[in-house]
Full PDB file with SEQRES, HELIX, SHEET, SSBOND, CRYST1, ORIGX, SCALE, CONECT and MASTER records, all heavy atoms in Angstrom:
SEQRES   1 A   34  GLY PHE LEU GLN HIS ALA GLY PHE MET ALA MET ASN PRO          
SEQRES   2 A   34  GLU ARG HIS PHE MET SER HIS TRP ASP PHE TYR ARG ASN          
SEQRES   3 A   34  LEU VAL LYS GLY ASP LEU ASP ASP                              
HELIX    1 AA1 PHE A    2  MET A   11  1                                  10    
HELIX    2 AA2 PRO A   13  LYS A   29  1                                  17    
CRYST1    1.000    1.000    1.000  90.00  90.00  90.00 P 1           1          
ORIGX1      1.000000  0.000000  0.000000        0.00000                         
ORIGX2      0.000000  1.000000  0.000000        0.00000                         
ORIGX3      0.000000  0.000000  1.000000        0.00000                         
SCALE1      1.000000  0.000000  0.000000        0.00000                         
SCALE2      0.000000  1.000000  0.000000        0.00000                         
SCALE3      0.000000  0.000000  1.000000        0.00000                         
ATOM      1  N   GLY A   1     -15.266  61.743  43.062  1.00  0.00           N  
ATOM      2  CA  GLY A   1     -15.287  60.792  41.969  1.00  0.00           C  
ATOM      3  C   GLY A   1     -16.706  60.476  41.498  1.00  0.00           C  
ATOM      4  O   GLY A   1     -16.911  60.233  40.301  1.00  0.00           O  
ATOM      5  N   PHE A   2     -17.676  60.466  42.407  1.00  0.00           N  
ATOM      6  CA  PHE A   2     -19.030  60.075  42.005  1.00  0.00           C  
ATOM      7  C   PHE A   2     -19.616  61.143  41.018  1.00  0.00           C  
ATOM      8  O   PHE A   2     -20.366  60.798  40.125  1.00  0.00           O  
ATOM      9  CB  PHE A   2     -19.938  59.841  43.186  1.00  0.00           C  
ATOM     10  CG  PHE A   2     -20.344  61.060  43.950  1.00  0.00           C  
ATOM     11  CD1 PHE A   2     -21.470  61.798  43.592  1.00  0.00           C  
ATOM     12  CD2 PHE A   2     -19.640  61.461  45.072  1.00  0.00           C  
ATOM     13  CE1 PHE A   2     -21.851  62.936  44.306  1.00  0.00           C  
ATOM     14  CE2 PHE A   2     -19.976  62.593  45.809  1.00  0.00           C  
ATOM     15  CZ  PHE A   2     -21.091  63.323  45.401  1.00  0.00           C  
ATOM     16  N   LEU A   3     -19.222  62.399  41.201  1.00  0.00           N  
ATOM     17  CA  LEU A   3     -19.677  63.446  40.271  1.00  0.00           C  
ATOM     18  C   LEU A   3     -18.971  63.316  38.914  1.00  0.00           C  
ATOM     19  O   LEU A   3     -19.605  63.457  37.862  1.00  0.00           O  
ATOM     20  CB  LEU A   3     -19.407  64.826  40.849  1.00  0.00           C  
ATOM     21  CG  LEU A   3     -20.334  65.324  41.910  1.00  0.00           C  
ATOM     22  CD1 LEU A   3     -19.965  66.756  42.375  1.00  0.00           C  
ATOM     23  CD2 LEU A   3     -21.793  65.355  41.429  1.00  0.00           C  
ATOM     24  N   GLN A   4     -17.731  62.941  38.957  1.00  0.00           N  
ATOM     25  CA  GLN A   4     -16.967  62.708  37.719  1.00  0.00           C  
ATOM     26  C   GLN A   4     -17.596  61.553  36.974  1.00  0.00           C  
ATOM     27  O   GLN A   4     -17.801  61.595  35.732  1.00  0.00           O  
ATOM     28  CB  GLN A   4     -15.527  62.435  37.996  1.00  0.00           C  
ATOM     29  CG  GLN A   4     -14.808  63.586  38.731  1.00  0.00           C  
ATOM     30  CD  GLN A   4     -13.450  63.136  39.244  1.00  0.00           C  
ATOM     31  OE1 GLN A   4     -12.611  62.710  38.423  1.00  0.00           O  
ATOM     32  NE2 GLN A   4     -13.211  63.263  40.506  1.00  0.00           N  
ATOM     33  N   HIS A   5     -17.921  60.513  37.673  1.00  0.00           N  
ATOM     34  CA  HIS A   5     -18.525  59.326  37.083  1.00  0.00           C  
ATOM     35  C   HIS A   5     -19.862  59.616  36.426  1.00  0.00           C  
ATOM     36  O   HIS A   5     -20.201  59.179  35.300  1.00  0.00           O  
ATOM     37  CB  HIS A   5     -18.685  58.217  38.101  1.00  0.00           C  
ATOM     38  CG  HIS A   5     -19.247  56.943  37.566  1.00  0.00           C  
ATOM     39  ND1 HIS A   5     -20.573  56.625  37.713  1.00  0.00           N  
ATOM     40  CD2 HIS A   5     -18.693  55.929  36.825  1.00  0.00           C  
ATOM     41  CE1 HIS A   5     -20.798  55.413  37.119  1.00  0.00           C  
ATOM     42  NE2 HIS A   5     -19.676  55.009  36.589  1.00  0.00           N  
ATOM     43  N   ALA A   6     -20.662  60.472  37.106  1.00  0.00           N  
ATOM     44  CA  ALA A   6     -21.913  60.864  36.482  1.00  0.00           C  
ATOM     45  C   ALA A   6     -21.686  61.627  35.200  1.00  0.00           C  
ATOM     46  O   ALA A   6     -22.434  61.491  34.237  1.00  0.00           O  
ATOM     47  CB  ALA A   6     -22.669  61.770  37.492  1.00  0.00           C  
ATOM     48  N   GLY A   7     -20.627  62.451  35.185  1.00  0.00           N  
ATOM     49  CA  GLY A   7     -20.320  63.152  33.943  1.00  0.00           C  
ATOM     50  C   GLY A   7     -19.887  62.192  32.820  1.00  0.00           C  
ATOM     51  O   GLY A   7     -20.274  62.420  31.669  1.00  0.00           O  
ATOM     52  N   PHE A   8     -19.080  61.198  33.195  1.00  0.00           N  
ATOM     53  CA  PHE A   8     -18.662  60.210  32.197  1.00  0.00           C  
ATOM     54  C   PHE A   8     -19.882  59.523  31.573  1.00  0.00           C  
ATOM     55  O   PHE A   8     -19.973  59.341  30.358  1.00  0.00           O  
ATOM     56  CB  PHE A   8     -17.748  59.121  32.831  1.00  0.00           C  
ATOM     57  CG  PHE A   8     -16.482  59.668  33.397  1.00  0.00           C  
ATOM     58  CD1 PHE A   8     -15.887  58.977  34.457  1.00  0.00           C  
ATOM     59  CD2 PHE A   8     -15.871  60.769  32.916  1.00  0.00           C  
ATOM     60  CE1 PHE A   8     -14.710  59.451  35.023  1.00  0.00           C  
ATOM     61  CE2 PHE A   8     -14.666  61.277  33.455  1.00  0.00           C  
ATOM     62  CZ  PHE A   8     -14.108  60.601  34.506  1.00  0.00           C  
ATOM     63  N   MET A   9     -20.789  59.102  32.429  1.00  0.00           N  
ATOM     64  CA  MET A   9     -21.946  58.362  31.941  1.00  0.00           C  
ATOM     65  C   MET A   9     -22.874  59.297  31.115  1.00  0.00           C  
ATOM     66  O   MET A   9     -23.472  58.807  30.140  1.00  0.00           O  
ATOM     67  CB  MET A   9     -22.760  57.842  33.169  1.00  0.00           C  
ATOM     68  CG  MET A   9     -22.000  56.867  34.018  1.00  0.00           C  
ATOM     69  SD  MET A   9     -21.561  55.323  33.266  1.00  0.00           S  
ATOM     70  CE  MET A   9     -23.166  54.490  33.282  1.00  0.00           C  
ATOM     71  N   ALA A  10     -22.955  60.520  31.489  1.00  0.00           N  
ATOM     72  CA  ALA A  10     -23.811  61.480  30.774  1.00  0.00           C  
ATOM     73  C   ALA A  10     -23.305  61.779  29.349  1.00  0.00           C  
ATOM     74  O   ALA A  10     -24.099  62.193  28.478  1.00  0.00           O  
ATOM     75  CB  ALA A  10     -23.960  62.781  31.561  1.00  0.00           C  
ATOM     76  N   MET A  11     -22.061  61.520  29.077  1.00  0.00           N  
ATOM     77  CA  MET A  11     -21.495  61.789  27.763  1.00  0.00           C  
ATOM     78  C   MET A  11     -22.052  60.832  26.689  1.00  0.00           C  
ATOM     79  O   MET A  11     -22.218  61.152  25.568  1.00  0.00           O  
ATOM     80  CB  MET A  11     -19.974  61.724  27.811  1.00  0.00           C  
ATOM     81  CG  MET A  11     -19.350  62.850  28.581  1.00  0.00           C  
ATOM     82  SD  MET A  11     -17.521  62.714  28.587  1.00  0.00           S  
ATOM     83  CE  MET A  11     -17.103  63.015  26.850  1.00  0.00           C  
ATOM     84  N   ASN A  12     -22.337  59.546  27.148  1.00  0.00           N  
ATOM     85  CA  ASN A  12     -22.833  58.515  26.221  1.00  0.00           C  
ATOM     86  C   ASN A  12     -23.889  57.668  26.953  1.00  0.00           C  
ATOM     87  O   ASN A  12     -23.697  56.469  27.120  1.00  0.00           O  
ATOM     88  CB  ASN A  12     -21.727  57.613  25.720  1.00  0.00           C  
ATOM     89  CG  ASN A  12     -20.771  58.396  24.814  1.00  0.00           C  
ATOM     90  OD1 ASN A  12     -21.092  58.709  23.687  1.00  0.00           O  
ATOM     91  ND2 ASN A  12     -19.554  58.678  25.272  1.00  0.00           N  
ATOM     92  N   PRO A  13     -25.011  58.215  27.417  1.00  0.00           N  
ATOM     93  CA  PRO A  13     -25.961  57.453  28.168  1.00  0.00           C  
ATOM     94  C   PRO A  13     -26.557  56.299  27.397  1.00  0.00           C  
ATOM     95  O   PRO A  13     -26.808  55.214  27.966  1.00  0.00           O  
ATOM     96  CB  PRO A  13     -27.020  58.485  28.541  1.00  0.00           C  
ATOM     97  CG  PRO A  13     -26.892  59.590  27.537  1.00  0.00           C  
ATOM     98  CD  PRO A  13     -25.465  59.640  27.207  1.00  0.00           C  
ATOM     99  N   GLU A  14     -26.805  56.483  26.091  1.00  0.00           N  
ATOM    100  CA  GLU A  14     -27.433  55.401  25.323  1.00  0.00           C  
ATOM    101  C   GLU A  14     -26.503  54.186  25.235  1.00  0.00           C  
ATOM    102  O   GLU A  14     -26.931  53.043  25.339  1.00  0.00           O  
ATOM    103  CB  GLU A  14     -27.840  55.917  23.918  1.00  0.00           C  
ATOM    104  CG  GLU A  14     -28.844  57.023  23.889  1.00  0.00           C  
ATOM    105  CD  GLU A  14     -28.188  58.381  24.006  1.00  0.00           C  
ATOM    106  OE1 GLU A  14     -26.949  58.450  24.201  1.00  0.00           O  
ATOM    107  OE2 GLU A  14     -28.937  59.394  23.991  1.00  0.00           O  
ATOM    108  N   ARG A  15     -25.225  54.496  24.997  1.00  0.00           N  
ATOM    109  CA  ARG A  15     -24.260  53.384  24.883  1.00  0.00           C  
ATOM    110  C   ARG A  15     -24.153  52.599  26.192  1.00  0.00           C  
ATOM    111  O   ARG A  15     -24.122  51.370  26.154  1.00  0.00           O  
ATOM    112  CB  ARG A  15     -22.862  53.965  24.546  1.00  0.00           C  
ATOM    113  CG  ARG A  15     -21.830  52.847  24.321  1.00  0.00           C  
ATOM    114  CD  ARG A  15     -20.562  53.442  23.714  1.00  0.00           C  
ATOM    115  NE  ARG A  15     -19.915  54.369  24.565  1.00  0.00           N  
ATOM    116  CZ  ARG A  15     -19.046  54.013  25.497  1.00  0.00           C  
ATOM    117  NH1 ARG A  15     -18.743  52.756  25.711  1.00  0.00           N  
ATOM    118  NH2 ARG A  15     -18.409  54.953  26.234  1.00  0.00           N  
ATOM    119  N   HIS A  16     -24.176  53.303  27.349  1.00  0.00           N  
ATOM    120  CA  HIS A  16     -24.076  52.547  28.612  1.00  0.00           C  
ATOM    121  C   HIS A  16     -25.335  51.788  28.869  1.00  0.00           C  
ATOM    122  O   HIS A  16     -25.318  50.676  29.402  1.00  0.00           O  
ATOM    123  CB  HIS A  16     -23.802  53.562  29.711  1.00  0.00           C  
ATOM    124  CG  HIS A  16     -22.385  54.158  29.653  1.00  0.00           C  
ATOM    125  ND1 HIS A  16     -21.264  53.404  29.821  1.00  0.00           N  
ATOM    126  CD2 HIS A  16     -22.024  55.417  29.416  1.00  0.00           C  
ATOM    127  CE1 HIS A  16     -20.209  54.166  29.731  1.00  0.00           C  
ATOM    128  NE2 HIS A  16     -20.631  55.417  29.426  1.00  0.00           N  
ATOM    129  N   PHE A  17     -26.512  52.370  28.552  1.00  0.00           N  
ATOM    130  CA  PHE A  17     -27.783  51.654  28.734  1.00  0.00           C  
ATOM    131  C   PHE A  17     -27.763  50.339  27.940  1.00  0.00           C  
ATOM    132  O   PHE A  17     -28.131  49.292  28.437  1.00  0.00           O  
ATOM    133  CB  PHE A  17     -28.967  52.537  28.337  1.00  0.00           C  
ATOM    134  CG  PHE A  17     -30.301  51.830  28.409  1.00  0.00           C  
ATOM    135  CD1 PHE A  17     -30.991  51.712  29.609  1.00  0.00           C  
ATOM    136  CD2 PHE A  17     -30.837  51.277  27.269  1.00  0.00           C  
ATOM    137  CE1 PHE A  17     -32.176  51.033  29.666  1.00  0.00           C  
ATOM    138  CE2 PHE A  17     -32.068  50.604  27.292  1.00  0.00           C  
ATOM    139  CZ  PHE A  17     -32.724  50.488  28.493  1.00  0.00           C  
ATOM    140  N   MET A  18     -27.382  50.432  26.667  1.00  0.00           N  
ATOM    141  CA  MET A  18     -27.439  49.252  25.801  1.00  0.00           C  
ATOM    142  C   MET A  18     -26.352  48.261  26.265  1.00  0.00           C  
ATOM    143  O   MET A  18     -26.589  47.040  26.135  1.00  0.00           O  
ATOM    144  CB  MET A  18     -27.108  49.690  24.359  1.00  0.00           C  
ATOM    145  CG  MET A  18     -28.273  50.444  23.688  1.00  0.00           C  
ATOM    146  SD  MET A  18     -29.866  49.543  23.805  1.00  0.00           S  
ATOM    147  CE  MET A  18     -29.470  47.990  23.011  1.00  0.00           C  
ATOM    148  N   SER A  19     -25.262  48.710  26.800  1.00  0.00           N  
ATOM    149  CA  SER A  19     -24.224  47.789  27.297  1.00  0.00           C  
ATOM    150  C   SER A  19     -24.774  46.995  28.460  1.00  0.00           C  
ATOM    151  O   SER A  19     -24.575  45.745  28.555  1.00  0.00           O  
ATOM    152  CB  SER A  19     -22.984  48.568  27.745  1.00  0.00           C  
ATOM    153  OG  SER A  19     -22.011  47.700  28.230  1.00  0.00           O  
ATOM    154  N   HIS A  20     -25.507  47.636  29.380  1.00  0.00           N  
ATOM    155  CA  HIS A  20     -26.101  46.940  30.506  1.00  0.00           C  
ATOM    156  C   HIS A  20     -27.233  45.991  30.076  1.00  0.00           C  
ATOM    157  O   HIS A  20     -27.400  44.903  30.614  1.00  0.00           O  
ATOM    158  CB  HIS A  20     -26.599  47.934  31.567  1.00  0.00           C  
ATOM    159  CG  HIS A  20     -25.517  48.590  32.350  1.00  0.00           C  
ATOM    160  ND1 HIS A  20     -24.751  49.603  31.871  1.00  0.00           N  
ATOM    161  CD2 HIS A  20     -25.037  48.290  33.581  1.00  0.00           C  
ATOM    162  CE1 HIS A  20     -23.841  49.959  32.783  1.00  0.00           C  
ATOM    163  NE2 HIS A  20     -24.010  49.161  33.835  1.00  0.00           N  
ATOM    164  N   TRP A  21     -28.007  46.423  29.084  1.00  0.00           N  
ATOM    165  CA  TRP A  21     -29.057  45.569  28.567  1.00  0.00           C  
ATOM    166  C   TRP A  21     -28.454  44.317  27.893  1.00  0.00           C  
ATOM    167  O   TRP A  21     -28.974  43.216  28.109  1.00  0.00           O  
ATOM    168  CB  TRP A  21     -29.949  46.319  27.610  1.00  0.00           C  
ATOM    169  CG  TRP A  21     -30.971  45.549  26.911  1.00  0.00           C  
ATOM    170  CD1 TRP A  21     -31.079  45.282  25.551  1.00  0.00           C  
ATOM    171  CD2 TRP A  21     -32.107  44.826  27.477  1.00  0.00           C  
ATOM    172  NE1 TRP A  21     -32.163  44.498  25.288  1.00  0.00           N  
ATOM    173  CE2 TRP A  21     -32.796  44.229  26.473  1.00  0.00           C  
ATOM    174  CE3 TRP A  21     -32.524  44.709  28.800  1.00  0.00           C  
ATOM    175  CZ2 TRP A  21     -33.955  43.468  26.680  1.00  0.00           C  
ATOM    176  CZ3 TRP A  21     -33.663  43.932  29.023  1.00  0.00           C  
ATOM    177  CH2 TRP A  21     -34.337  43.360  27.982  1.00  0.00           C  
ATOM    178  N   ASP A  22     -27.396  44.521  27.155  1.00  0.00           N  
ATOM    179  CA  ASP A  22     -26.743  43.389  26.517  1.00  0.00           C  
ATOM    180  C   ASP A  22     -26.109  42.434  27.566  1.00  0.00           C  
ATOM    181  O   ASP A  22     -26.143  41.191  27.390  1.00  0.00           O  
ATOM    182  CB  ASP A  22     -25.645  43.839  25.589  1.00  0.00           C  
ATOM    183  CG  ASP A  22     -26.168  44.531  24.336  1.00  0.00           C  
ATOM    184  OD1 ASP A  22     -27.367  44.313  23.998  1.00  0.00           O  
ATOM    185  OD2 ASP A  22     -25.416  45.251  23.661  1.00  0.00           O  
ATOM    186  N   PHE A  23     -25.646  43.000  28.649  1.00  0.00           N  
ATOM    187  CA  PHE A  23     -25.123  42.215  29.741  1.00  0.00           C  
ATOM    188  C   PHE A  23     -26.200  41.293  30.341  1.00  0.00           C  
ATOM    189  O   PHE A  23     -26.013  40.090  30.556  1.00  0.00           O  
ATOM    190  CB  PHE A  23     -24.530  43.127  30.853  1.00  0.00           C  
ATOM    191  CG  PHE A  23     -24.072  42.447  32.103  1.00  0.00           C  
ATOM    192  CD1 PHE A  23     -23.025  41.548  32.060  1.00  0.00           C  
ATOM    193  CD2 PHE A  23     -24.703  42.697  33.279  1.00  0.00           C  
ATOM    194  CE1 PHE A  23     -22.601  40.917  33.245  1.00  0.00           C  
ATOM    195  CE2 PHE A  23     -24.307  42.051  34.467  1.00  0.00           C  
ATOM    196  CZ  PHE A  23     -23.255  41.143  34.423  1.00  0.00           C  
ATOM    197  N   TYR A  24     -27.367  41.905  30.564  1.00  0.00           N  
ATOM    198  CA  TYR A  24     -28.525  41.113  31.112  1.00  0.00           C  
ATOM    199  C   TYR A  24     -28.887  39.983  30.118  1.00  0.00           C  
ATOM    200  O   TYR A  24     -29.058  38.852  30.533  1.00  0.00           O  
ATOM    201  CB  TYR A  24     -29.727  42.033  31.335  1.00  0.00           C  
ATOM    202  CG  TYR A  24     -30.975  41.292  31.588  1.00  0.00           C  
ATOM    203  CD1 TYR A  24     -31.287  40.850  32.852  1.00  0.00           C  
ATOM    204  CD2 TYR A  24     -31.948  41.084  30.593  1.00  0.00           C  
ATOM    205  CE1 TYR A  24     -32.497  40.165  33.117  1.00  0.00           C  
ATOM    206  CE2 TYR A  24     -33.125  40.412  30.814  1.00  0.00           C  
ATOM    207  CZ  TYR A  24     -33.390  39.940  32.082  1.00  0.00           C  
ATOM    208  OH  TYR A  24     -34.559  39.294  32.343  1.00  0.00           O  
ATOM    209  N   ARG A  25     -28.964  40.262  28.817  1.00  0.00           N  
ATOM    210  CA  ARG A  25     -29.347  39.267  27.851  1.00  0.00           C  
ATOM    211  C   ARG A  25     -28.287  38.183  27.744  1.00  0.00           C  
ATOM    212  O   ARG A  25     -28.609  36.970  27.595  1.00  0.00           O  
ATOM    213  CB  ARG A  25     -29.574  39.906  26.494  1.00  0.00           C  
ATOM    214  CG  ARG A  25     -30.789  40.853  26.450  1.00  0.00           C  
ATOM    215  CD  ARG A  25     -31.205  41.140  25.062  1.00  0.00           C  
ATOM    216  NE  ARG A  25     -30.117  41.794  24.309  1.00  0.00           N  
ATOM    217  CZ  ARG A  25     -30.211  42.082  22.999  1.00  0.00           C  
ATOM    218  NH1 ARG A  25     -31.271  41.744  22.309  1.00  0.00           N  
ATOM    219  NH2 ARG A  25     -29.189  42.675  22.370  1.00  0.00           N  
ATOM    220  N   ASN A  26     -26.988  38.539  27.854  1.00  0.00           N  
ATOM    221  CA  ASN A  26     -25.944  37.549  27.788  1.00  0.00           C  
ATOM    222  C   ASN A  26     -26.013  36.606  28.953  1.00  0.00           C  
ATOM    223  O   ASN A  26     -25.742  35.410  28.856  1.00  0.00           O  
ATOM    224  CB  ASN A  26     -24.577  38.249  27.744  1.00  0.00           C  
ATOM    225  CG  ASN A  26     -24.301  38.905  26.391  1.00  0.00           C  
ATOM    226  OD1 ASN A  26     -24.834  38.502  25.364  1.00  0.00           O  
ATOM    227  ND2 ASN A  26     -23.512  39.983  26.423  1.00  0.00           N  
ATOM    228  N   LEU A  27     -26.324  37.162  30.158  1.00  0.00           N  
ATOM    229  CA  LEU A  27     -26.493  36.293  31.334  1.00  0.00           C  
ATOM    230  C   LEU A  27     -27.671  35.307  31.140  1.00  0.00           C  
ATOM    231  O   LEU A  27     -27.520  34.109  31.459  1.00  0.00           O  
ATOM    232  CB  LEU A  27     -26.683  37.120  32.582  1.00  0.00           C  
ATOM    233  CG  LEU A  27     -25.493  37.937  33.073  1.00  0.00           C  
ATOM    234  CD1 LEU A  27     -25.891  38.835  34.241  1.00  0.00           C  
ATOM    235  CD2 LEU A  27     -24.333  37.009  33.505  1.00  0.00           C  
ATOM    236  N   VAL A  28     -28.743  35.828  30.629  1.00  0.00           N  
ATOM    237  CA  VAL A  28     -29.879  34.927  30.418  1.00  0.00           C  
ATOM    238  C   VAL A  28     -29.589  33.831  29.412  1.00  0.00           C  
ATOM    239  O   VAL A  28     -29.967  32.657  29.563  1.00  0.00           O  
ATOM    240  CB  VAL A  28     -31.112  35.747  29.956  1.00  0.00           C  
ATOM    241  CG1 VAL A  28     -32.295  34.827  29.536  1.00  0.00           C  
ATOM    242  CG2 VAL A  28     -31.555  36.724  31.051  1.00  0.00           C  
ATOM    243  N   LYS A  29     -28.848  34.214  28.306  1.00  0.00           N  
ATOM    244  CA  LYS A  29     -28.504  33.207  27.317  1.00  0.00           C  
ATOM    245  C   LYS A  29     -27.378  32.271  27.698  1.00  0.00           C  
ATOM    246  O   LYS A  29     -27.167  31.291  27.034  1.00  0.00           O  
ATOM    247  CB  LYS A  29     -28.081  33.981  26.028  1.00  0.00           C  
ATOM    248  CG  LYS A  29     -29.216  34.694  25.298  1.00  0.00           C  
ATOM    249  CD  LYS A  29     -28.736  35.312  23.994  1.00  0.00           C  
ATOM    250  CE  LYS A  29     -27.609  36.243  24.182  1.00  0.00           C  
ATOM    251  NZ  LYS A  29     -27.168  36.900  22.890  1.00  0.00           N  
ATOM    252  N   GLY A  30     -26.652  32.618  28.780  1.00  0.00           N  
ATOM    253  CA  GLY A  30     -25.546  31.804  29.175  1.00  0.00           C  
ATOM    254  C   GLY A  30     -24.240  32.204  28.426  1.00  0.00           C  
ATOM    255  O   GLY A  30     -23.330  31.379  28.389  1.00  0.00           O  
ATOM    256  N   ASP A  31     -24.215  33.342  27.817  1.00  0.00           N  
ATOM    257  CA  ASP A  31     -23.007  33.792  27.088  1.00  0.00           C  
ATOM    258  C   ASP A  31     -22.039  34.398  28.112  1.00  0.00           C  
ATOM    259  O   ASP A  31     -21.961  35.634  28.303  1.00  0.00           O  
ATOM    260  CB  ASP A  31     -23.384  34.829  25.991  1.00  0.00           C  
ATOM    261  CG  ASP A  31     -22.209  35.104  25.070  1.00  0.00           C  
ATOM    262  OD1 ASP A  31     -21.048  34.802  25.434  1.00  0.00           O  
ATOM    263  OD2 ASP A  31     -22.449  35.699  24.010  1.00  0.00           O  
ATOM    264  N   LEU A  32     -21.309  33.518  28.780  1.00  0.00           N  
ATOM    265  CA  LEU A  32     -20.512  33.963  29.909  1.00  0.00           C  
ATOM    266  C   LEU A  32     -19.238  34.750  29.528  1.00  0.00           C  
ATOM    267  O   LEU A  32     -18.775  35.576  30.289  1.00  0.00           O  
ATOM    268  CB  LEU A  32     -20.118  32.737  30.758  1.00  0.00           C  
ATOM    269  CG  LEU A  32     -21.325  31.924  31.341  1.00  0.00           C  
ATOM    270  CD1 LEU A  32     -20.808  30.788  32.230  1.00  0.00           C  
ATOM    271  CD2 LEU A  32     -22.267  32.839  32.047  1.00  0.00           C  
ATOM    272  N   ASP A  33     -18.717  34.517  28.333  1.00  0.00           N  
ATOM    273  CA  ASP A  33     -17.495  35.247  27.926  1.00  0.00           C  
ATOM    274  C   ASP A  33     -17.800  36.713  27.712  1.00  0.00           C  
ATOM    275  O   ASP A  33     -17.065  37.557  28.190  1.00  0.00           O  
ATOM    276  CB  ASP A  33     -16.954  34.638  26.598  1.00  0.00           C  
ATOM    277  CG  ASP A  33     -16.319  33.238  26.832  1.00  0.00           C  
ATOM    278  OD1 ASP A  33     -15.960  32.964  27.986  1.00  0.00           O  
ATOM    279  OD2 ASP A  33     -16.175  32.480  25.851  1.00  0.00           O  
ATOM    280  N   ASP A  34     -18.938  37.035  26.993  1.00  0.00           N  
ATOM    281  CA  ASP A  34     -19.282  38.430  26.799  1.00  0.00           C  
ATOM    282  C   ASP A  34     -19.674  39.101  28.142  1.00  0.00           C  
ATOM    283  O   ASP A  34     -19.345  40.255  28.378  1.00  0.00           O  
ATOM    284  CB  ASP A  34     -20.446  38.518  25.808  1.00  0.00           C  
ATOM    285  CG  ASP A  34     -19.980  38.334  24.373  1.00  0.00           C  
ATOM    286  OD1 ASP A  34     -18.739  38.307  24.148  1.00  0.00           O  
ATOM    287  OD2 ASP A  34     -20.838  38.202  23.481  1.00  0.00           O  
TER     288      ASP A  34                                                      
MASTER        0    0    0    2    0    0    0    6  287    1    0    3          
END                                                                             
């Protein structure tokens, strides 16, 4: 599964990076729903 997951992530690395960055910013801002 971990190899499959690496493949999933590699298909759209920019989207996953931005999703995690947005998650960090939402936590800092207190946007708990997002």
